PDB file of N, CA and C in Angstrom:
ATOM      1  N   UNK A   1       0.706  -1.679  -0.122  1.00  0.00           N
ATOM      2  CA  UNK A   1      -0.027   0.220   0.125  1.00  0.00           C
ATOM      3  C   UNK A   1       0.725   1.402  -0.152  1.00  0.00           C
ATOM      4  N   UNK A   2       2.160   0.877   0.259  1.00  0.00           N
ATOM      5  CA  UNK A   2       3.010   2.368   0.475  1.00  0.00           C
ATOM      6  C   UNK A   2       3.317   2.748  -1.141  1.00  0.00           C
ATOM      7  N   UNK A   3       3.421   1.444  -2.006  1.00  0.00           N
ATOM      8  CA  UNK A   3       3.865   1.930  -3.236  1.00  0.00           C
ATOM      9  C   UNK A   3       2.633   2.582  -4.044  1.00  0.00           C
ATOM     10  N   UNK A   4       1.384   2.402  -3.799  1.00  0.00           N
ATOM     11  CA  UNK A   4      -0.034   2.554  -4.018  1.00  0.00           C
ATOM     12  C   UNK A   4       0.321   4.283  -3.607  1.00  0.00           C
ATOM     13  N   UNK A   5       0.337   4.418  -2.613  1.00  0.00           N
ATOM     14  CA  UNK A   5       0.094   5.749  -1.906  1.00  0.00           C
ATOM     15  C   UNK A   5       1.302   6.822  -2.833  1.00  0.00           C
ATOM     16  N   UNK A   6       2.374   6.389  -2.939  1.00  0.00           N
ATOM     17  CA  UNK A   6       3.517   6.900  -3.644  1.00  0.00           C
ATOM     18  C   UNK A   6       3.092   7.186  -5.355  1.00  0.00           C
ATOM     19  N   UNK A   7       2.651   6.503  -5.796  1.00  0.00           N
ATOM     20  CA  UNK A   7       2.334   6.216  -7.427  1.00  0.00           C
ATOM     21  C   UNK A   7       0.749   7.460  -7.083  1.00  0.00           C
ATOM     22  N   UNK A   8      -0.020   7.481  -6.529  1.00  0.00           N
ATOM     23  CA  UNK A   8      -1.225   8.228  -6.316  1.00  0.00           C
ATOM     24  C   UNK A   8      -0.453   9.485  -6.164  1.00  0.00           C
ATOM     25  N   UNK A   9       0.116  10.002  -5.144  1.00  0.00           N
ATOM     26  CA  UNK A   9       1.182  10.989  -4.823  1.00  0.00           C
ATOM     27  C   UNK A   9       1.468  12.041  -6.052  1.00  0.00           C
ATOM     28  N   UNK A  10       2.360  10.860  -6.612  1.00  0.00           N
ATOM     29  CA  UNK A  10       2.828  11.542  -7.967  1.00  0.00           C
ATOM     30  C   UNK A  10       1.858  11.679  -9.099  1.00  0.00           C
ATOM     31  N   UNK A  11       0.621  11.331  -9.381  1.00  0.00           N
ATOM     32  CA  UNK A  11       0.085  11.517 -10.284  1.00  0.00           C
ATOM     33  C   UNK A  11      -0.123  10.491 -11.120  1.00  0.00           C
ATOM     34  N   UNK A  12       0.045   9.416 -10.643  1.00  0.00           N
ATOM     35  CA  UNK A  12       0.445   8.015 -11.532  1.00  0.00           C
ATOM     36  C   UNK A  12      -0.995   7.066 -11.064  1.00  0.00           C
ATOM     37  N   UNK A  13      -2.007   6.877 -11.901  1.00  0.00           N
ATOM     38  CA  UNK A  13      -3.258   5.937 -11.783  1.00  0.00           C
ATOM     39  C   UNK A  13      -2.777   4.816 -11.924  1.00  0.00           C
ATOM     40  N   UNK A  14      -2.240   4.454 -13.169  1.00  0.00           N
ATOM     41  CA  UNK A  14      -2.041   3.042 -13.664  1.00  0.00           C
ATOM     42  C   UNK A  14      -0.931   2.569 -12.460  1.00  0.00           C
ATOM     43  N   UNK A  15       0.110   2.924 -12.060  1.00  0.00           N
ATOM     44  CA  UNK A  15       0.943   2.780 -10.988  1.00  0.00           C
ATOM     45  C   UNK A  15       0.010   2.234  -9.497  1.00  0.00           C
ATOM     46  N   UNK A  16      -0.882   3.342  -9.543  1.00  0.00           N
ATOM     47  CA  UNK A  16      -1.334   2.823  -8.326  1.00  0.00           C
ATOM     48  C   UNK A  16      -2.386   1.878  -8.653  1.00  0.00           C
ATOM     49  N   UNK A  17      -2.779   1.478  -9.494  1.00  0.00           N
ATOM     50  CA  UNK A  17      -3.789   0.344  -9.986  1.00  0.00           C
ATOM     51  C   UNK A  17      -2.666  -1.021  -9.901  1.00  0.00           C
ATOM     52  N   UNK A  18      -1.332  -0.937 -10.239  1.00  0.00           N
ATOM     53  CA  UNK A  18      -0.537  -2.333 -10.143  1.00  0.00           C
ATOM     54  C   UNK A  18      -1.080  -3.226  -9.060  1.00  0.00           C
ATOM     55  N   UNK A  19      -1.463  -2.391  -7.976  1.00  0.00           N
ATOM     56  CA  UNK A  19      -1.704  -3.404  -6.931  1.00  0.00           C
ATOM     57  C   UNK A  19      -3.097  -4.226  -6.981  1.00  0.00           C
ATOM     58  N   UNK A  20      -4.092  -3.834  -8.077  1.00  0.00           N
ATOM     59  CA  UNK A  20      -5.133  -4.618  -7.931  1.00  0.00           C
ATOM     60  C   UNK A  20      -5.000  -5.618  -8.856  1.00  0.00           C
ATOM     61  N   UNK A  21      -5.990  -6.723  -8.756  1.00  0.00           N
ATOM     62  CA  UNK A  21      -5.823  -7.989  -9.420  1.00  0.00           C
ATOM     63  C   UNK A  21      -6.742  -7.865 -10.717  1.00  0.00           C
ATOM     64  N   UNK A  22      -6.753  -8.063 -11.510  1.00  0.00           N
ATOM     65  CA  UNK A  22      -7.432  -8.132 -13.266  1.00  0.00           C
ATOM     66  C   UNK A  22      -8.816  -8.014 -12.994  1.00  0.00           C
ATOM     67  N   UNK A  23      -9.251  -8.953 -11.665  1.00  0.00           N
ATOM     68  CA  UNK A  23     -10.747  -9.241 -11.608  1.00  0.00           C
ATOM     69  C   UNK A  23     -11.340  -8.316 -10.426  1.00  0.00           C
ATOM     70  N   UNK A  24     -10.556  -7.431  -9.973  1.00  0.00           N
ATOM     71  CA  UNK A  24     -10.772  -6.770  -8.668  1.00  0.00           C
ATOM     72  C   UNK A  24     -12.384  -5.932  -9.318  1.00  0.00           C
ATOM     73  N   UNK A  25     -12.892  -6.002  -8.173  1.00  0.00           N
ATOM     74  CA  UNK A  25     -14.038  -5.195  -7.838  1.00  0.00           C
ATOM     75  C   UNK A  25     -14.065  -3.884  -6.894  1.00  0.00           C
ATOM     76  N   UNK A  26     -14.309  -2.748  -7.408  1.00  0.00           N
ATOM     77  CA  UNK A  26     -14.536  -1.370  -6.250  1.00  0.00           C
ATOM     78  C   UNK A  26     -15.859  -1.363  -5.756  1.00  0.00           C
ATOM     79  N   UNK A  27     -16.108  -1.451  -4.531  1.00  0.00           N
ATOM     80  CA  UNK A  27     -17.374  -1.145  -4.102  1.00  0.00           C
ATOM     81  C   UNK A  27     -17.265   0.355  -3.269  1.00  0.00           C
ATOM     82  N   UNK A  28     -18.487   1.417  -3.721  1.00  0.00           N
ATOM     83  CA  UNK A  28     -18.992   2.426  -3.154  1.00  0.00           C
ATOM     84  C   UNK A  28     -19.893   2.820  -2.945  1.00  0.00           C
ATOM     85  N   UNK A  29     -20.284   4.056  -2.216  1.00  0.00           N
ATOM     86  CA  UNK A  29     -21.585   4.652  -2.185  1.00  0.00           C
ATOM     87  C   UNK A  29     -22.013   4.653  -3.905  1.00  0.00           C
ATOM     88  N   UNK A  30     -21.633   4.619  -4.969  1.00  0.00           N
ATOM     89  CA  UNK A  30     -21.910   5.282  -6.095  1.00  0.00           C
ATOM     90  C   UNK A  30     -22.054   3.657  -7.074  1.00  0.00           C
ATOM     91  N   UNK A  31     -21.776   2.748  -6.065  1.00  0.00           N
ATOM     92  CA  UNK A  31     -21.794   1.378  -6.983  1.00  0.00           C
ATOM     93  C   UNK A  31     -20.746   0.291  -6.847  1.00  0.00           C
ATOM     94  N   UNK A  32     -20.921  -0.479  -7.569  1.00  0.00           N
ATOM     95  CA  UNK A  32     -20.123  -1.575  -7.893  1.00  0.00           C
ATOM     96  C   UNK A  32     -19.173  -1.580  -9.225  1.00  0.00           C
ATOM     97  N   UNK A  33     -17.959  -1.302  -9.677  1.00  0.00           N
ATOM     98  CA  UNK A  33     -17.115  -1.442 -10.641  1.00  0.00           C
ATOM     99  C   UNK A  33     -16.187  -2.770 -10.815  1.00  0.00           C
ATOM    100  N   UNK A  34     -16.278  -3.535 -11.748  1.00  0.00           N
ATOM    101  CA  UNK A  34     -15.255  -4.457 -11.825  1.00  0.00           C
ATOM    102  C   UNK A  34     -14.524  -4.631 -12.649  1.00  0.00           C
ATOM    103  N   UNK A  35     -13.365  -5.423 -12.846  1.00  0.00           N
ATOM    104  CA  UNK A  35     -12.416  -5.264 -13.785  1.00  0.00           C
ATOM    105  C   UNK A  35     -11.415  -4.441 -13.419  1.00  0.00           C
ATOM    106  N   UNK A  36     -10.159  -4.347 -13.494  1.00  0.00           N
ATOM    107  CA  UNK A  36      -9.118  -3.557 -13.243  1.00  0.00           C
ATOM    108  C   UNK A  36      -9.179  -2.127 -14.520  1.00  0.00           C
ATOM    109  N   UNK A  37      -9.298  -2.650 -15.572  1.00  0.00           N
ATOM    110  CA  UNK A  37      -9.581  -1.513 -16.711  1.00  0.00           C
ATOM    111  C   UNK A  37     -10.429  -0.683 -16.239  1.00  0.00           C
ATOM    112  N   UNK A  38     -11.465  -1.042 -15.710  1.00  0.00           N
ATOM    113  CA  UNK A  38     -12.752  -0.257 -15.501  1.00  0.00           C
ATOM    114  C   UNK A  38     -12.678   0.466 -14.373  1.00  0.00           C
ATOM    115  N   UNK A  39     -12.113  -0.558 -13.314  1.00  0.00           N
ATOM    116  CA  UNK A  39     -11.799   0.689 -12.219  1.00  0.00           C
ATOM    117  C   UNK A  39     -11.033   1.466 -12.462  1.00  0.00           C
ATOM    118  N   UNK A  40      -9.749   1.684 -13.184  1.00  0.00           N
ATOM    119  CA  UNK A  40      -9.325   2.577 -13.718  1.00  0.00           C
ATOM    120  C   UNK A  40      -9.761   3.388 -14.222  1.00  0.00           C
ATOM    121  N   UNK A  41     -10.307   3.285 -15.094  1.00  0.00           N
ATOM    122  CA  UNK A  41     -11.287   4.342 -16.133  1.00  0.00           C
ATOM    123  C   UNK A  41     -12.232   5.056 -15.289  1.00  0.00           C
ATOM    124  N   UNK A  42     -12.747   4.473 -14.630  1.00  0.00           N
ATOM    125  CA  UNK A  42     -13.098   5.459 -12.892  1.00  0.00           C
ATOM    126  C   UNK A  42     -12.304   6.492 -12.407  1.00  0.00           C
ATOM    127  N   UNK A  43     -11.747   5.735 -12.044  1.00  0.00           N
ATOM    128  CA  UNK A  43     -10.461   6.811 -11.246  1.00  0.00           C
ATOM    129  C   UNK A  43     -10.039   7.825 -12.410  1.00  0.00           C
ATOM    130  N   UNK A  44      -9.771   7.527 -13.230  1.00  0.00           N
ATOM    131  CA  UNK A  44      -9.210   8.254 -14.081  1.00  0.00           C
ATOM    132  C   UNK A  44     -10.228   9.524 -14.590  1.00  0.00           C
ATOM    133  N   UNK A  45     -11.405   9.270 -14.711  1.00  0.00           N
ATOM    134  CA  UNK A  45     -12.810   9.937 -14.672  1.00  0.00           C
ATOM    135  C   UNK A  45     -12.695  11.084 -13.394  1.00  0.00           C
ATOM    136  N   UNK A  46     -12.695  10.493 -12.445  1.00  0.00           N
ATOM    137  CA  UNK A  46     -12.718  11.294 -10.892  1.00  0.00           C
ATOM    138  C   UNK A  46     -11.632  12.468 -10.584  1.00  0.00           C
ATOM    139  N   UNK A  47     -10.364  11.308 -11.589  1.00  0.00           N
ATOM    140  CA  UNK A  47      -9.290  12.179 -10.936  1.00  0.00           C
ATOM    141  C   UNK A  47      -8.372  12.582 -12.157  1.00  0.00           C
ATOM    142  N   UNK A  48      -8.809  13.561 -13.040  1.00  0.00           N
ATOM    143  CA  UNK A  48      -8.453  14.059 -14.389  1.00  0.00           C
ATOM    144  C   UNK A  48      -6.789  14.520 -13.895  1.00  0.00           C
ATOM    145  N   UNK A  49      -6.459  15.049 -12.881  1.00  0.00           N
ATOM    146  CA  UNK A  49      -4.946  15.742 -12.918  1.00  0.00           C
ATOM    147  C   UNK A  49      -4.744  15.294 -11.791  1.00  0.00           C
ATOM    148  N   UNK A  50      -3.103  15.809 -11.396  1.00  0.00           N
ATOM    149  CA  UNK A  50      -2.504  15.917 -10.365  1.00  0.00           C
ATOM    150  C   UNK A  50      -3.558  16.619  -9.283  1.00  0.00           C
ATOM    151  N   UNK A  51      -4.055  17.880  -9.521  1.00  0.00           N
ATOM    152  CA  UNK A  51      -4.339  18.805  -8.000  1.00  0.00           C
ATOM    153  C   UNK A  51      -5.629  18.193  -7.570  1.00  0.00           C
ATOM    154  N   UNK A  52      -6.257  17.102  -8.510  1.00  0.00           N
ATOM    155  CA  UNK A  52      -7.904  16.710  -8.086  1.00  0.00           C
ATOM    156  C   UNK A  52      -7.122  15.734  -7.237  1.00  0.00           C
ATOM    157  N   UNK A  53      -6.230  14.938  -7.750  1.00  0.00           N
ATOM    158  CA  UNK A  53      -5.439  13.574  -7.100  1.00  0.00           C
ATOM    159  C   UNK A  53      -5.010  14.264  -5.293  1.00  0.00           C
ATOM    160  N   UNK A  54      -4.397  15.256  -5.519  1.00  0.00           N
ATOM    161  CA  UNK A  54      -3.845  15.637  -4.002  1.00  0.00           C
ATOM    162  C   UNK A  54      -3.108  14.481  -3.593  1.00  0.00           C
ATOM    163  N   UNK A  55      -2.784  14.343  -2.232  1.00  0.00           N
ATOM    164  CA  UNK A  55      -1.938  13.553  -1.420  1.00  0.00           C
ATOM    165  C   UNK A  55      -2.586  12.578  -0.401  1.00  0.00           C
ATOM    166  N   UNK A  56      -2.429  11.350  -0.687  1.00  0.00           N
ATOM    167  CA  UNK A  56      -3.489  10.171   0.051  1.00  0.00           C
ATOM    168  C   UNK A  56      -2.362   9.922   0.965  1.00  0.00           C
ATOM    169  N   UNK A  57      -3.304   9.237   1.935  1.00  0.00           N
ATOM    170  CA  UNK A  57      -2.553   8.695   3.138  1.00  0.00           C
ATOM    171  C   UNK A  57      -3.189   7.707   3.664  1.00  0.00           C
ATOM    172  N   UNK A  58      -2.645   6.485   3.602  1.00  0.00           N
ATOM    173  CA  UNK A  58      -3.447   5.171   4.399  1.00  0.00           C
ATOM    174  C   UNK A  58      -2.833   4.728   5.722  1.00  0.00           C
ATOM    175  N   UNK A  59      -3.974   4.645   6.502  1.00  0.00           N
ATOM    176  CA  UNK A  59      -3.604   3.896   8.018  1.00  0.00           C
ATOM    177  C   UNK A  59      -4.274   2.651   7.984  1.00  0.00           C
ATOM    178  N   UNK A  60      -3.472   1.536   8.473  1.00  0.00           N
ATOM    179  CA  UNK A  60      -4.039   0.350   8.267  1.00  0.00           C
ATOM    180  C   UNK A  60      -4.604  -0.086   9.351  1.00  0.00           C
ATOM    181  N   UNK A  61      -5.677  -0.434  10.065  1.00  0.00           N
ATOM    182  CA  UNK A  61      -6.336  -0.827  10.964  1.00  0.00           C
ATOM    183  C   UNK A  61      -6.073  -2.063  11.348  1.00  0.00           C
ATOM    184  N   UNK A  62      -6.317  -3.390  10.622  1.00  0.00           N
ATOM    185  CA  UNK A  62      -5.741  -4.666  10.815  1.00  0.00           C
ATOM    186  C   UNK A  62      -5.865  -5.438   9.635  1.00  0.00           C
ATOM    187  N   UNK A  63      -5.209  -6.488   9.777  1.00  0.00           N
ATOM    188  CA  UNK A  63      -4.819  -7.471   8.796  1.00  0.00           C
ATOM    189  C   UNK A  63      -5.220  -8.854   9.436  1.00  0.00           C
ATOM    190  N   UNK A  64      -6.130  -9.626   8.528  1.00  0.00           N
ATOM    191  CA  UNK A  64      -6.648 -10.619   8.918  1.00  0.00           C
ATOM    192  C   UNK A  64      -6.540 -11.561   8.201  1.00  0.00           C
ATOM    193  N   UNK A  65      -5.298 -12.561   7.969  1.00  0.00           N
ATOM    194  CA  UNK A  65      -4.964 -13.598   7.075  1.00  0.00           C
ATOM    195  C   UNK A  65      -5.831 -14.950   7.111  1.00  0.00           C
ATOM    196  N   UNK A  66      -6.166 -15.325   6.195  1.00  0.00           N
ATOM    197  CA  UNK A  66      -7.051 -16.367   6.002  1.00  0.00           C
ATOM    198  C   UNK A  66      -6.280 -17.714   5.458  1.00  0.00           C
ATOM    199  N   UNK A  67      -6.567 -18.841   5.444  1.00  0.00           N
ATOM    200  CA  UNK A  67      -5.798 -20.037   5.013  1.00  0.00           C
ATOM    201  C   UNK A  67      -5.576 -20.187   3.724  1.00  0.00           C
ATOM    202  N   UNK A  68      -6.172 -19.589   2.659  1.00  0.00           N
ATOM    203  CA  UNK A  68      -6.164 -19.862   1.157  1.00  0.00           C
ATOM    204  C   UNK A  68      -5.425 -18.769   0.220  1.00  0.00           C
ATOM    205  N   UNK A  69      -4.782 -18.028   1.144  1.00  0.00           N
ATOM    206  CA  UNK A  69      -4.184 -17.244   0.368  1.00  0.00           C
ATOM    207  C   UNK A  69      -4.554 -15.597   0.326  1.00  0.00           C
ATOM    208  N   UNK A  70      -5.472 -15.537   0.809  1.00  0.00           N
ATOM    209  CA  UNK A  70      -5.905 -14.773   1.437  1.00  0.00           C
ATOM    210  C   UNK A  70      -5.717 -13.646   2.765  1.00  0.00           C
ATOM    211  N   UNK A  71      -6.429 -12.292   2.591  1.00  0.00           N
ATOM    212  CA  UNK A  71      -6.612 -11.813   3.705  1.00  0.00           C
ATOM    213  C   UNK A  71      -7.446 -10.255   3.251  1.00  0.00           C
ATOM    214  N   UNK A  72      -7.860 -10.178   4.458  1.00  0.00           N
ATOM    215  CA  UNK A  72      -8.673  -8.906   4.832  1.00  0.00           C
ATOM    216  C   UNK A  72      -7.886  -8.118   5.375  1.00  0.00           C
ATOM    217  N   UNK A  73      -8.387  -6.386   4.996  1.00  0.00           N
ATOM    218  CA  UNK A  73      -7.121  -5.386   5.697  1.00  0.00           C
ATOM    219  C   UNK A  73      -8.253  -4.528   5.738  1.00  0.00           C
ATOM    220  N   UNK A  74      -8.360  -3.871   6.846  1.00  0.00           N
ATOM    221  CA  UNK A  74      -9.094  -2.568   7.103  1.00  0.00           C
ATOM    222  C   UNK A  74      -8.291  -1.392   7.135  1.00  0.00           C
ATOM    223  N   UNK A  75      -9.106  -0.180   7.327  1.00  0.00           N
ATOM    224  CA  UNK A  75      -8.278   0.977   7.877  1.00  0.00           C
ATOM    225  C   UNK A  75      -8.921   2.037   6.958  1.00  0.00           C
ATOM    226  N   UNK A  76      -8.356   3.481   7.495  1.00  0.00           N
ATOM    227  CA  UNK A  76      -8.879   4.495   6.667  1.00  0.00           C
ATOM    228  C   UNK A  76      -7.889   5.501   5.688  1.00  0.00           C
ATOM    229  N   UNK A  77      -8.552   6.322   4.824  1.00  0.00           N
ATOM    230  CA  UNK A  77      -7.707   6.892   4.063  1.00  0.00           C
ATOM    231  C   UNK A  77      -8.160   8.298   4.307  1.00  0.00           C
ATOM    232  N   UNK A  78      -6.754   9.292   3.771  1.00  0.00           N
ATOM    233  CA  UNK A  78      -7.345  10.684   3.875  1.00  0.00           C
ATOM    234  C   UNK A  78      -6.332  11.308   2.689  1.00  0.00           C
ATOM    235  N   UNK A  79      -7.524  12.181   1.761  1.00  0.00           N
ATOM    236  CA  UNK A  79      -7.213  12.635   0.449  1.00  0.00           C
ATOM    237  C   UNK A  79      -6.815  14.266   0.921  1.00  0.00           C
ATOM    238  N   UNK A  80      -5.750  15.014   0.867  1.00  0.00           N
ATOM    239  CA  UNK A  80      -5.556  16.229   1.053  1.00  0.00           C
ATOM    240  C   UNK A  80      -5.175  17.070   0.079  1.00  0.00           C
ATOM    241  N   UNK A  81      -5.835  18.128  -0.207  1.00  0.00           N
ATOM    242  CA  UNK A  81      -5.980  19.084  -1.764  1.00  0.00           C
ATOM    243  C   UNK A  81      -6.038  20.148  -1.179  1.00  0.00           C
ATOM    244  N   UNK A  82      -5.748  20.824  -2.133  1.00  0.00           N
ATOM    245  CA  UNK A  82      -5.397  22.155  -2.039  1.00  0.00           C
ATOM    246  C   UNK A  82      -6.850  22.948  -1.490  1.00  0.00           C
ATOM    247  N   UNK A  83      -7.807  22.788  -2.035  1.00  0.00           N
ATOM    248  CA  UNK A  83      -9.346  23.239  -1.652  1.00  0.00           C
ATOM    249  C   UNK A  83      -9.935  22.371  -0.621  1.00  0.00           C
ATOM    250  N   UNK A  84      -9.727  21.128  -0.498  1.00  0.00           N
ATOM    251  CA  UNK A  84     -10.350  20.707   0.623  1.00  0.00           C
ATOM    252  C   UNK A  84      -9.437  19.168   1.206  1.00  0.00           C
ATOM    253  N   UNK A  85     -10.314  18.639   1.884  1.00  0.00           N
ATOM    254  CA  UNK A  85      -9.925  17.155   2.654  1.00  0.00           C
ATOM    255  C   UNK A  85     -10.827  16.206   2.524  1.00  0.00           C
ATOM    256  N   UNK A  86     -10.747  15.327   2.120  1.00  0.00           N
ATOM    257  CA  UNK A  86     -11.565  14.012   1.983  1.00  0.00           C
ATOM    258  C   UNK A  86     -11.487  12.777   2.802  1.00  0.00           C
ATOM    259  N   UNK A  87     -12.138  12.340   3.407  1.00  0.00           N
ATOM    260  CA  UNK A  87     -11.356  11.076   4.437  1.00  0.00           C
ATOM    261  C   UNK A  87     -12.746   9.819   4.229  1.00  0.00           C
ATOM    262  N   UNK A  88     -12.264   8.677   4.741  1.00  0.00           N
ATOM    263  CA  UNK A  88     -13.018   7.369   5.030  1.00  0.00           C
ATOM    264  C   UNK A  88     -12.491   6.355   5.536  1.00  0.00           C
ATOM    265  N   UNK A  89     -13.262   5.231   5.265  1.00  0.00           N
ATOM    266  CA  UNK A  89     -12.608   4.023   5.178  1.00  0.00           C
ATOM    267  C   UNK A  89     -12.605   3.186   4.509  1.00  0.00           C
ATOM    268  N   UNK A  90     -11.699   2.043   4.644  1.00  0.00           N
ATOM    269  CA  UNK A  90     -11.961   0.939   3.319  1.00  0.00           C
ATOM    270  C   UNK A  90     -11.732  -0.643   4.147  1.00  0.00           C
ATOM    271  N   UNK A  91     -12.481  -1.591   3.035  1.00  0.00           N
ATOM    272  CA  UNK A  91     -12.107  -2.861   3.714  1.00  0.00           C
ATOM    273  C   UNK A  91     -11.491  -3.868   2.583  1.00  0.00           C
ATOM    274  N   UNK A  92     -10.320  -4.234   2.365  1.00  0.00           N
ATOM    275  CA  UNK A  92      -9.577  -4.706   1.324  1.00  0.00           C
ATOM    276  C   UNK A  92      -9.473  -6.255   1.468  1.00  0.00           C
ATOM    277  N   UNK A  93     -10.144  -7.111   0.259  1.00  0.00           N
ATOM    278  CA  UNK A  93      -9.933  -8.380   0.012  1.00  0.00           C
ATOM    279  C   UNK A  93      -8.221  -8.581  -0.779  1.00  0.00           C
ATOM    280  N   UNK A  94      -7.412  -9.018  -0.187  1.00  0.00           N
ATOM    281  CA  UNK A  94      -6.341  -9.184  -0.621  1.00  0.00           C
ATOM    282  C   UNK A  94      -6.099 -10.395  -1.175  1.00  0.00           C
ATOM    283  N   UNK A  95      -5.614 -11.167  -2.310  1.00  0.00           N
ATOM    284  CA  UNK A  95      -5.597 -12.579  -2.847  1.00  0.00           C
ATOM    285  C   UNK A  95      -3.861 -12.619  -3.332  1.00  0.00           C
ATOM    286  N   UNK A  96      -3.044 -13.722  -2.805  1.00  0.00           N
ATOM    287  CA  UNK A  96      -1.843 -14.088  -3.162  1.00  0.00           C
ATOM    288  C   UNK A  96      -1.893 -14.898  -4.441  1.00  0.00           C
ATOM    289  N   UNK A  97      -1.005 -13.914  -5.237  1.00  0.00           N
ATOM    290  CA  UNK A  97      -1.114 -14.163  -7.115  1.00  0.00           C
ATOM    291  C   UNK A  97       0.418 -14.574  -7.186  1.00  0.00           C
ATOM    292  N   UNK A  98       0.583 -15.029  -8.655  1.00  0.00           N
ATOM    293  CA  UNK A  98       2.109 -15.455  -9.116  1.00  0.00           C
ATOM    294  C   UNK A  98       2.915 -13.847  -8.820  1.00  0.00           C
ATOM    295  N   UNK A  99       1.967 -13.240  -8.943  1.00  0.00           N
ATOM    296  CA  UNK A  99       2.809 -11.587  -9.058  1.00  0.00           C
ATOM    297  C   UNK A  99       2.959 -11.221  -8.073  1.00  0.00           C
ATOM    298  N   UNK A 100       2.101 -11.686  -6.637  1.00  0.00           N
ATOM    299  CA  UNK A 100       2.470 -11.086  -5.112  1.00  0.00           C
ATOM    300  C   UNK A 100       1.184 -10.711  -4.848  1.00  0.00           C
ATOM    301  N   UNK A 101       0.667  -9.893  -3.873  1.00  0.00           N
ATOM    302  CA  UNK A 101      -0.301 -10.081  -3.285  1.00  0.00           C
ATOM    303  C   UNK A 101      -1.592  -8.890  -3.860  1.00  0.00           C
ATOM    304  N   UNK A 102      -2.486  -8.818  -4.829  1.00  0.00           N
ATOM    305  CA  UNK A 102      -3.044  -7.881  -5.227  1.00  0.00           C
ATOM    306  C   UNK A 102      -4.676  -7.922  -4.428  1.00  0.00           C
ATOM    307  N   UNK A 103      -5.351  -6.737  -4.684  1.00  0.00           N
ATOM    308  CA  UNK A 103      -6.620  -6.289  -4.013  1.00  0.00           C
ATOM    309  C   UNK A 103      -7.502  -7.275  -4.846  1.00  0.00           C
ATOM    310  N   UNK A 104      -8.336  -8.014  -4.682  1.00  0.00           N
ATOM    311  CA  UNK A 104      -9.601  -8.468  -5.485  1.00  0.00           C
ATOM    312  C   UNK A 104     -10.914  -7.595  -5.198  1.00  0.00           C
ATOM    313  N   UNK A 105     -10.875  -7.212  -3.877  1.00  0.00           N
ATOM    314  CA  UNK A 105     -12.258  -6.566  -3.507  1.00  0.00           C
ATOM    315  C   UNK A 105     -11.994  -5.340  -2.799  1.00  0.00           C
ATOM    316  N   UNK A 106     -12.587  -3.994  -3.167  1.00  0.00           N
ATOM    317  CA  UNK A 106     -11.958  -2.636  -2.367  1.00  0.00           C
ATOM    318  C   UNK A 106     -13.067  -2.355  -2.100  1.00  0.00           C
ATOM    319  N   UNK A 107     -13.937  -2.331  -0.890  1.00  0.00           N
ATOM    320  CA  UNK A 107     -14.994  -1.268  -0.628  1.00  0.00           C
ATOM    321  C   UNK A 107     -14.603  -0.339   0.429  1.00  0.00           C
ATOM    322  N   UNK A 108     -14.776   0.857  -0.345  1.00  0.00           N
ATOM    323  CA  UNK A 108     -14.297   2.157   0.301  1.00  0.00           C
ATOM    324  C   UNK A 108     -15.487   2.890   0.197  1.00  0.00           C
ATOM    325  N   UNK A 109     -15.417   3.548   1.619  1.00  0.00           N
ATOM    326  CA  UNK A 109     -16.744   4.652   1.957  1.00  0.00           C
ATOM    327  C   UNK A 109     -15.918   5.904   2.751  1.00  0.00           C
TER     328      UNK A 109
END
């Protein structure tokens, strides 16, 4: 998640998305988007430039390992921009893949 924060802070949405599996689903109050490419396109529409992306900070609350190469992670996020600050929480389902740990489900609120 440190690499995702760094990618976000430099305005690199594709780099941020490297932490997601190809079949990831993003769930928020606006609905559910599935597939890494669709999730990335949604981020790019919502955050078209570095100014709207601001500075992202994650705080991990807990990580709960499961026996089948999966883990739940909960925490909070804060997005600081020149004109405002947004914040909320998340629950992530991580899966171990050949490429390493990737996010399969992202419920952000």
